[in-house]
């Protein structure tokens, strides 16, 4: 009976990869949508935190010396070991599901955005900064008219890395939760020896990452064109 049940699961799993309806729980479209939701939410949170941290580091010597080293150290912790801890802590305060996965995605995506934004905000030449000082420009005018426009190419380069890292974080966050998503499909396939299911989820994740990076690149081209920069 156990053997027959396992065989039935394998047959259903193979059929589910290609024959299930779009909204079926066995459909890759459904699980890709679950992963995409956590990825986008975590990426938005991580990008906002990264940009805010970068602005603080550039304009505050104290933050540059105190916060940046800790941000670097935080990225040395293996996310596979950290993800269950984050999920348990958030579950203890009543946050689970999408929020927990988004938190892991944000954790992986904020660092490249922060580093790229710091580099971009510090990219203006000293001659340009001296010119603004000559015109008695305020710090806010320096930020909006020189530092921020100069940081746009660096920002989008880091956003491409951040969105890919966010997808990895969402998949890793789905492994201990097992409530849908490409990570849960990969783990389920490994449990039952369904290599087709594992490879299908891997290819779906790769296509999803490529699409997200392409979208960031498309927004970058439109933004640079609006700024009058040739691409």
Protein backbone atom coordinates (compact mmCIF):
# COMPACT_ATOMS: atom_id res chain seq x y z
CA UNK A 1 0.00 0.00 0.00
CA UNK A 2 2.85 2.37 0.82
CA UNK A 3 4.53 1.58 -2.51
CA UNK A 4 1.29 2.14 -4.41
CA UNK A 5 0.69 5.43 -2.61
CA UNK A 6 4.22 6.60 -3.44
CA UNK A 7 3.75 5.67 -7.10
CA UNK A 8 0.45 7.53 -7.20
CA UNK A 9 2.12 10.62 -5.69
CA UNK A 10 4.86 10.47 -8.32
CA UNK A 11 2.33 10.20 -11.17
CA UNK A 12 0.25 13.05 -9.77
CA UNK A 13 3.39 15.14 -9.22
CA UNK A 14 4.50 14.67 -12.84
CA UNK A 15 1.07 15.53 -14.14
CA UNK A 16 0.89 18.53 -11.78
CA UNK A 17 3.98 20.09 -13.33
CA UNK A 18 2.38 20.59 -16.73
CA UNK A 19 -1.33 19.70 -16.56
CA UNK A 20 -2.68 21.39 -13.47
CA UNK A 21 -4.77 24.52 -13.80
CA UNK A 22 -3.21 27.92 -13.32
CA UNK A 23 -4.74 28.35 -9.86
CA UNK A 24 -4.16 24.75 -8.78
CA UNK A 25 -1.97 24.19 -5.74
CA UNK A 26 0.19 21.85 -7.86
CA UNK A 27 0.72 24.44 -10.60
CA UNK A 28 4.09 26.12 -10.96
CA UNK A 29 2.27 29.30 -11.93
CA UNK A 30 0.57 29.35 -8.53
CA UNK A 31 3.79 28.66 -6.61
CA UNK A 32 5.71 31.20 -8.72
CA UNK A 33 3.09 33.77 -7.78
CA UNK A 34 3.51 32.98 -4.08
CA UNK A 35 7.29 33.37 -4.34
CA UNK A 36 6.93 36.52 -6.45
CA UNK A 37 4.74 38.19 -3.84
CA UNK A 38 7.25 37.61 -1.05
CA UNK A 39 10.12 38.63 -3.34
CA UNK A 40 8.59 41.96 -4.37
CA UNK A 41 7.51 42.88 -0.84
CA UNK A 42 10.89 41.98 0.65
CA UNK A 43 12.71 43.80 -2.15
CA UNK A 44 10.72 46.99 -1.60
CA UNK A 45 11.39 46.89 2.14
CA UNK A 46 15.08 46.12 1.61
CA UNK A 47 15.49 48.83 -1.05
CA UNK A 48 13.91 51.50 1.15
CA UNK A 49 16.02 50.46 4.14
CA UNK A 50 19.16 50.32 2.00
CA UNK A 51 18.61 53.79 0.52
CA UNK A 52 17.83 55.27 3.94
CA UNK A 53 20.91 53.63 5.45
CA UNK A 54 23.10 54.89 2.60
CA UNK A 55 21.89 58.47 3.07
CA UNK A 56 22.59 58.24 6.79
CA UNK A 57 26.09 56.84 6.19
CA UNK A 58 26.98 59.54 3.67
CA UNK A 59 25.76 62.43 5.82
CA UNK A 60 26.74 61.07 9.24
CA UNK A 61 30.29 60.18 10.15
CA UNK A 62 29.02 58.35 13.23
CA UNK A 63 26.79 56.04 11.17
CA UNK A 64 29.60 55.45 8.72
CA UNK A 65 31.89 54.24 11.49
CA UNK A 66 29.29 52.38 13.56
CA UNK A 67 26.53 51.02 11.32
CA UNK A 68 28.42 50.08 8.16
CA UNK A 69 30.74 47.52 9.83
CA UNK A 70 27.75 45.78 11.42
CA UNK A 71 25.92 45.74 8.10
CA UNK A 72 28.94 44.01 6.54
CA UNK A 73 29.19 41.51 9.39
CA UNK A 74 25.49 40.67 9.10
CA UNK A 75 26.02 39.38 5.57
CA UNK A 76 28.54 36.76 6.73
CA UNK A 77 25.86 34.79 8.60
CA UNK A 78 24.56 31.87 6.45
CA UNK A 79 20.97 32.65 5.50
CA UNK A 80 20.03 28.96 5.66
CA UNK A 81 20.86 28.97 9.37
CA UNK A 82 19.35 32.40 10.01
CA UNK A 83 16.04 31.93 8.19
CA UNK A 84 14.45 29.51 10.72
CA UNK A 85 15.43 31.83 13.56
CA UNK A 86 13.81 34.82 11.85
CA UNK A 87 10.64 32.84 11.20
CA UNK A 88 10.43 31.64 14.81
CA UNK A 89 10.99 35.14 16.22
CA UNK A 90 8.40 36.71 13.92
CA UNK A 91 5.93 33.92 14.63
CA UNK A 92 6.29 34.56 18.36
CA UNK A 93 5.09 38.15 17.85
CA UNK A 94 2.23 37.12 15.58
CA UNK A 95 3.88 37.63 12.20
CA UNK A 96 4.08 34.68 9.84
CA UNK A 97 3.59 33.65 6.24
CA UNK A 98 4.25 36.40 3.72
CA UNK A 99 5.74 38.82 6.26
CA UNK A 100 8.27 36.26 7.49
CA UNK A 101 9.44 35.44 3.97
CA UNK A 102 9.55 39.12 3.04
CA UNK A 103 11.73 39.82 6.08
CA UNK A 104 14.29 37.28 4.88
CA UNK A 105 14.19 38.75 1.38
CA UNK A 106 14.68 42.25 2.77
CA UNK A 107 17.62 41.03 4.85
CA UNK A 108 19.42 39.82 1.71
CA UNK A 109 18.49 42.73 -0.55
CA UNK A 110 19.17 45.76 1.64
CA UNK A 111 22.96 45.35 1.73
CA UNK A 112 23.76 45.57 -2.02
CA UNK A 113 21.36 48.51 -2.33
CA UNK A 114 23.02 50.30 0.60
CA UNK A 115 26.55 49.73 -0.72
CA UNK A 116 25.64 50.80 -4.26
CA UNK A 117 23.80 53.89 -3.06
CA UNK A 118 26.71 54.93 -0.82
CA UNK A 119 29.04 54.65 -3.79
CA UNK A 120 26.65 56.64 -5.95
CA UNK A 121 26.07 59.42 -3.44
CA UNK A 122 29.83 59.82 -3.06
CA UNK A 123 30.49 59.72 -6.82
CA UNK A 124 30.32 63.50 -7.56
CA UNK A 125 33.73 65.03 -8.12
CA UNK A 126 35.13 67.45 -5.58
CA UNK A 127 35.09 70.18 -8.21
CA UNK A 128 31.34 69.79 -8.56
CA UNK A 129 30.85 69.95 -4.80
CA UNK A 130 33.04 73.06 -4.61
CA UNK A 131 30.95 74.70 -7.32
CA UNK A 132 27.78 74.13 -5.31
CA UNK A 133 29.48 75.56 -2.23
CA UNK A 134 30.40 78.60 -4.31
CA UNK A 135 26.72 79.08 -5.16
CA UNK A 136 25.90 78.70 -1.43
CA UNK A 137 23.76 75.61 -2.06
CA UNK A 138 22.15 74.02 0.99
CA UNK A 139 22.74 70.33 1.85
CA UNK A 140 19.28 69.47 0.56
CA UNK A 141 19.99 71.24 -2.75
CA UNK A 142 23.28 69.39 -3.02
CA UNK A 143 21.44 66.12 -2.46
CA UNK A 144 18.59 66.62 -4.92
CA UNK A 145 20.54 68.38 -7.67
CA UNK A 146 23.88 66.60 -7.61
CA UNK A 147 24.25 63.59 -5.33
CA UNK A 148 20.95 61.86 -6.13
CA UNK A 149 21.15 62.25 -9.95
CA UNK A 150 24.76 61.05 -9.87
CA UNK A 151 23.76 57.96 -7.86
CA UNK A 152 21.07 56.73 -10.27
CA UNK A 153 23.32 54.40 -12.35
CA UNK A 154 24.83 52.94 -9.18
CA UNK A 155 21.39 52.55 -7.64
CA UNK A 156 19.94 50.56 -10.51
CA UNK A 157 23.02 48.34 -10.72
CA UNK A 158 22.58 47.50 -7.03
CA UNK A 159 18.81 47.04 -7.46
CA UNK A 160 19.44 44.31 -10.04
CA UNK A 161 21.60 42.48 -7.53
CA UNK A 162 19.10 43.16 -4.77
CA UNK A 163 16.09 41.75 -6.64
CA UNK A 164 17.98 38.53 -7.37
CA UNK A 165 19.06 38.25 -3.74
CA UNK A 166 15.49 38.94 -2.66
CA UNK A 167 14.26 36.01 -4.75
CA UNK A 168 16.82 33.73 -3.14
CA UNK A 169 15.70 34.94 0.28
CA UNK A 170 12.05 34.23 -0.52
CA UNK A 171 12.86 30.69 -1.67
CA UNK A 172 14.98 30.02 1.43
CA UNK A 173 12.20 31.40 3.62
CA UNK A 174 9.74 28.96 2.08
CA UNK A 175 11.80 25.91 3.03
CA UNK A 176 10.92 25.84 6.75
CA UNK A 177 7.39 27.24 6.23
CA UNK A 178 6.30 24.78 3.48
CA UNK A 179 3.08 26.65 2.72
CA UNK A 180 3.50 27.15 -0.97
CA UNK A 181 6.12 28.69 -3.20
CA UNK A 182 8.98 27.41 -5.31
CA UNK A 183 11.05 26.63 -2.22
CA UNK A 184 8.33 24.39 -0.87
CA UNK A 185 8.08 22.65 -4.25
CA UNK A 186 11.80 21.97 -4.26
CA UNK A 187 11.71 20.60 -0.74
CA UNK A 188 8.66 18.47 -1.49
CA UNK A 189 10.34 17.06 -4.57
CA UNK A 190 13.41 16.13 -2.56
CA UNK A 191 11.26 14.35 0.05
CA UNK A 192 9.55 12.11 -2.52
CA UNK A 193 12.44 11.79 -4.98
CA UNK A 194 10.59 13.70 -7.72
CA UNK A 195 13.49 15.13 -9.68
CA UNK A 196 11.15 16.54 -12.34
CA UNK A 197 9.45 18.67 -9.71
CA UNK A 198 12.77 19.94 -8.40
CA UNK A 199 14.10 20.85 -11.84
CA UNK A 200 10.81 22.46 -12.85
CA UNK A 201 10.90 24.68 -9.75
CA UNK A 202 14.55 25.55 -10.40
CA UNK A 203 13.84 26.59 -13.99
CA UNK A 204 10.79 28.55 -12.86
CA UNK A 205 12.94 30.40 -10.32
CA UNK A 206 15.57 31.14 -12.98
CA UNK A 207 13.00 32.53 -15.42
CA UNK A 208 11.41 34.55 -12.62
CA UNK A 209 14.78 36.05 -11.68
CA UNK A 210 15.56 36.87 -15.32
CA UNK A 211 12.21 38.59 -15.71
CA UNK A 212 12.65 40.66 -12.57
CA UNK A 213 16.17 41.76 -13.54
CA UNK A 214 14.92 42.65 -17.02
CA UNK A 215 12.14 44.75 -15.48
CA UNK A 216 14.65 46.68 -13.35
CA UNK A 217 16.79 47.21 -16.46
CA UNK A 218 13.77 48.50 -18.40
CA UNK A 219 12.93 50.97 -15.63
CA UNK A 220 16.60 52.03 -15.58
CA UNK A 221 16.60 52.79 -19.31
CA UNK A 222 13.39 54.80 -19.05
CA UNK A 223 14.70 56.72 -16.05
CA UNK A 224 18.01 57.59 -17.70
CA UNK A 225 16.23 58.66 -20.87
CA UNK A 226 13.99 60.94 -18.83
CA UNK A 227 17.12 62.44 -17.25
CA UNK A 228 18.58 63.07 -20.70
CA UNK A 229 21.30 60.44 -20.41
CA UNK A 230 22.01 58.39 -23.53
CA UNK A 231 21.73 54.62 -23.08
